[in-house]
N, C-alpha and C. Protein backbone atom coordinates (compact mmCIF):
# COMPACT_ATOMS: atom_id res chain seq x y z
N MET A 1 127.51 72.20 127.74
CA MET A 1 127.83 70.98 128.57
C MET A 1 127.99 71.54 130.04
N SER A 2 127.39 70.56 130.86
CA SER A 2 127.59 70.86 132.36
C SER A 2 129.00 70.25 132.80
N ASP A 3 129.60 70.96 133.85
CA ASP A 3 130.70 70.06 134.31
C ASP A 3 130.36 68.94 135.37
N VAL A 4 131.03 67.97 135.33
CA VAL A 4 130.73 66.63 136.08
C VAL A 4 131.34 67.00 137.35
N LYS A 5 130.52 66.83 138.42
CA LYS A 5 131.16 67.02 139.89
C LYS A 5 131.61 65.65 140.26
N LYS A 6 132.83 65.64 141.08
CA LYS A 6 133.50 64.39 141.37
C LYS A 6 133.85 64.49 143.01
N LEU A 7 133.76 63.28 143.73
CA LEU A 7 134.36 63.47 145.11
C LEU A 7 135.80 63.57 144.94
N SER A 8 136.33 63.92 146.08
CA SER A 8 137.68 64.01 146.23
C SER A 8 138.23 62.70 146.27
N GLU A 9 139.55 62.15 145.84
CA GLU A 9 140.10 60.90 146.07
C GLU A 9 140.11 60.33 147.47
N GLU A 10 140.26 61.24 148.34
CA GLU A 10 140.36 61.11 149.91
C GLU A 10 138.92 60.55 150.37
N ARG A 11 138.07 61.33 150.02
CA ARG A 11 136.57 61.05 150.30
C ARG A 11 135.90 59.78 149.65
N LEU A 12 136.38 59.59 148.39
CA LEU A 12 135.98 58.26 147.62
C LEU A 12 136.67 56.97 148.48
N LYS A 13 137.90 57.28 148.75
CA LYS A 13 138.71 56.18 149.24
C LYS A 13 137.85 56.03 150.69
N SER A 14 137.58 57.05 151.46
CA SER A 14 136.92 56.50 152.63
C SER A 14 135.68 55.89 152.69
N ILE A 15 134.98 56.46 151.82
CA ILE A 15 133.52 55.74 151.60
C ILE A 15 133.67 54.31 151.08
N ASN A 16 134.69 53.96 150.24
CA ASN A 16 134.95 52.76 149.70
C ASN A 16 135.42 51.63 150.82
N GLU A 17 136.16 52.46 151.77
CA GLU A 17 136.70 51.65 152.90
C GLU A 17 135.58 51.19 153.82
N LEU A 18 134.53 52.25 154.03
CA LEU A 18 133.33 52.14 154.73
C LEU A 18 132.67 51.04 154.31
N VAL A 19 132.43 50.91 153.02
CA VAL A 19 131.28 49.87 152.29
C VAL A 19 132.24 48.58 152.43
N GLY A 20 133.47 48.59 152.09
CA GLY A 20 134.11 47.17 152.33
C GLY A 20 134.10 46.58 153.66
N THR A 21 134.12 47.57 154.72
CA THR A 21 134.10 47.00 156.17
C THR A 21 132.58 46.56 156.46
N LEU A 22 131.70 47.33 155.95
CA LEU A 22 130.36 46.95 156.14
C LEU A 22 130.02 45.69 155.40
N ASN A 23 130.38 45.39 154.21
CA ASN A 23 130.34 44.08 153.72
C ASN A 23 130.88 43.13 154.38
N TYR A 24 132.13 43.12 154.96
CA TYR A 24 132.78 42.07 155.55
C TYR A 24 132.04 41.84 156.82
N VAL A 25 131.54 42.80 157.64
CA VAL A 25 130.82 42.69 158.96
C VAL A 25 129.57 41.96 158.70
N GLY A 26 128.99 42.17 157.45
CA GLY A 26 127.62 41.83 157.07
C GLY A 26 127.91 40.21 156.87
N SER A 27 128.81 39.65 156.23
CA SER A 27 129.12 38.37 156.01
C SER A 27 129.44 37.68 157.25
N LYS A 28 130.00 38.40 158.08
CA LYS A 28 130.46 37.78 159.40
C LYS A 28 129.07 37.41 160.11
N VAL A 29 128.39 38.45 160.23
CA VAL A 29 127.01 38.39 160.90
C VAL A 29 126.31 37.05 160.28
N THR A 30 126.28 36.95 159.04
CA THR A 30 125.51 35.91 158.34
C THR A 30 126.19 34.58 158.72
N GLU A 31 127.57 34.42 158.71
CA GLU A 31 128.16 33.28 159.19
C GLU A 31 127.96 32.84 160.65
N LEU A 32 128.09 33.77 161.55
CA LEU A 32 127.67 33.55 163.03
C LEU A 32 126.20 33.16 162.99
N SER A 33 125.28 33.55 162.33
CA SER A 33 123.98 33.24 162.42
C SER A 33 123.68 31.84 161.86
N VAL A 34 124.37 31.59 160.96
CA VAL A 34 124.35 29.96 160.46
C VAL A 34 124.99 28.97 161.72
N GLU A 35 126.15 29.38 162.18
CA GLU A 35 126.55 28.78 163.23
C GLU A 35 125.81 28.55 164.41
N HIS A 36 125.13 29.85 164.65
CA HIS A 36 124.05 29.76 165.81
C HIS A 36 122.94 28.64 165.59
N SER A 37 122.47 28.83 164.30
CA SER A 37 121.37 27.73 164.13
C SER A 37 121.97 26.41 164.25
N ARG A 38 123.04 26.19 163.78
CA ARG A 38 123.59 24.71 163.71
C ARG A 38 123.78 24.41 165.31
N ALA A 39 124.46 25.17 166.11
CA ALA A 39 124.82 24.83 167.62
C ALA A 39 123.17 24.71 168.25
N THR A 40 122.12 25.62 167.95
CA THR A 40 120.99 25.32 168.66
C THR A 40 120.55 24.14 168.31
N GLU A 41 120.43 23.62 166.96
CA GLU A 41 120.07 22.31 166.70
C GLU A 41 120.78 21.19 167.31
N ALA A 42 122.08 21.31 167.27
CA ALA A 42 122.89 20.32 167.99
C ALA A 42 122.43 20.20 169.58
N TYR A 43 122.34 21.38 169.99
CA TYR A 43 121.88 21.18 171.44
C TYR A 43 120.43 20.56 171.69
N ARG A 44 119.68 21.19 170.83
CA ARG A 44 118.28 20.35 171.04
C ARG A 44 118.43 18.76 170.82
N HIS A 45 119.17 18.40 169.79
CA HIS A 45 119.43 16.91 169.51
C HIS A 45 120.03 16.32 170.72
N LEU A 46 120.88 17.01 171.48
CA LEU A 46 121.59 16.30 172.64
C LEU A 46 120.63 16.32 173.88
N GLN A 47 119.64 17.25 174.01
CA GLN A 47 118.69 17.11 174.91
C GLN A 47 117.54 16.21 174.81
N GLU A 48 117.34 15.83 173.51
CA GLU A 48 116.47 14.62 173.07
C GLU A 48 117.01 13.43 173.47
N GLN A 49 118.37 13.31 173.25
CA GLN A 49 119.00 12.15 173.42
C GLN A 49 119.01 11.82 174.94
N LEU A 50 119.47 12.98 175.79
CA LEU A 50 119.49 12.75 177.17
C LEU A 50 118.06 12.46 177.90
N GLU A 51 117.24 12.95 177.16
CA GLU A 51 115.67 12.70 177.65
C GLU A 51 115.49 11.28 177.26
N GLY A 52 115.85 10.62 176.06
CA GLY A 52 115.67 9.32 176.02
C GLY A 52 116.39 8.42 176.70
N GLU A 53 117.61 8.83 177.32
CA GLU A 53 118.39 7.97 178.38
C GLU A 53 117.65 8.13 179.47
N LYS A 54 117.20 9.23 179.93
CA LYS A 54 116.40 9.18 181.41
C LYS A 54 115.29 8.18 181.24
N GLU A 55 114.45 8.26 180.05
CA GLU A 55 113.24 7.48 180.04
C GLU A 55 113.73 5.98 180.06
N LYS A 56 114.58 5.53 179.50
CA LYS A 56 115.16 4.16 179.68
C LYS A 56 115.61 4.04 181.28
N ILE A 57 116.18 4.69 181.83
CA ILE A 57 116.44 4.46 183.27
C ILE A 57 115.26 4.53 184.28
N ARG A 58 114.39 5.41 183.89
CA ARG A 58 113.13 5.27 184.45
C ARG A 58 112.34 4.03 184.33
N SER A 59 112.51 3.57 183.07
CA SER A 59 111.66 2.24 182.90
C SER A 59 112.25 1.03 183.44
N GLU A 60 113.61 1.14 183.76
CA GLU A 60 114.36 0.10 184.31
C GLU A 60 114.37 0.08 185.67
N TYR A 61 114.63 1.30 186.38
CA TYR A 61 114.86 1.60 187.83
C TYR A 61 113.85 2.28 188.42
N GLY A 62 112.94 2.73 187.83
CA GLY A 62 111.78 3.62 188.43
C GLY A 62 112.26 5.14 188.51
N ASP A 63 111.71 5.93 189.48
CA ASP A 63 112.13 7.07 189.53
C ASP A 63 113.27 7.46 190.51
N VAL A 64 114.36 7.52 189.92
CA VAL A 64 115.53 7.62 190.80
C VAL A 64 116.45 8.79 190.39
N GLU A 65 117.20 9.04 191.47
CA GLU A 65 118.07 10.32 191.20
C GLU A 65 119.62 9.53 190.93
N ILE A 66 120.27 10.03 190.01
CA ILE A 66 121.51 9.61 189.76
C ILE A 66 122.78 10.37 190.10
N ASN A 67 123.64 9.81 190.91
CA ASN A 67 124.85 10.44 191.23
C ASN A 67 125.77 10.42 189.83
N LEU A 68 126.02 11.60 189.26
CA LEU A 68 126.80 11.55 187.91
C LEU A 68 128.26 11.16 188.12
N GLN A 69 128.69 11.27 189.41
CA GLN A 69 130.05 10.88 189.51
C GLN A 69 130.39 9.65 189.88
N THR A 70 129.43 9.02 190.53
CA THR A 70 129.63 7.48 190.86
C THR A 70 128.74 6.63 190.17
N GLY A 71 127.72 6.98 189.73
CA GLY A 71 126.60 6.06 189.13
C GLY A 71 125.52 5.58 190.02
N GLU A 72 125.69 5.83 191.43
CA GLU A 72 124.86 5.29 192.36
C GLU A 72 123.33 5.86 192.11
N LEU A 73 122.45 4.98 192.33
CA LEU A 73 121.00 5.48 192.22
C LEU A 73 120.25 5.61 193.70
N LYS A 74 119.65 6.54 193.70
CA LYS A 74 118.73 6.68 195.00
C LYS A 74 117.40 6.90 194.56
N GLU A 75 116.44 6.38 195.67
CA GLU A 75 115.02 6.52 195.30
C GLU A 75 114.85 8.06 195.27
N ASN A 76 113.88 8.75 194.31
CA ASN A 76 113.66 9.98 194.26
C ASN A 76 112.75 10.39 195.42
N LYS A 77 113.12 11.36 196.24
CA LYS A 77 112.23 11.68 197.33
C LYS A 77 110.98 12.49 196.92
N GLU A 78 110.78 13.05 195.84
CA GLU A 78 109.66 13.83 195.53
C GLU A 78 108.35 12.90 195.33
């Protein structure tokens, strides 16, 4: 019968700590990826809403520039 070789307790502990940390970091990467996707989708949705508002303003007032501080409208010079 052959002798079973075994890692030292210290080396086994070290490897298990690395695997545990790797798994933790991997799960965080997944969480951040999901958050990134959600944030990107929210950003796109907000851009679409803003474009819709701009289109409403164009149809009502024509091609104008808006002072976002005061709400004043000026004819677009372009």
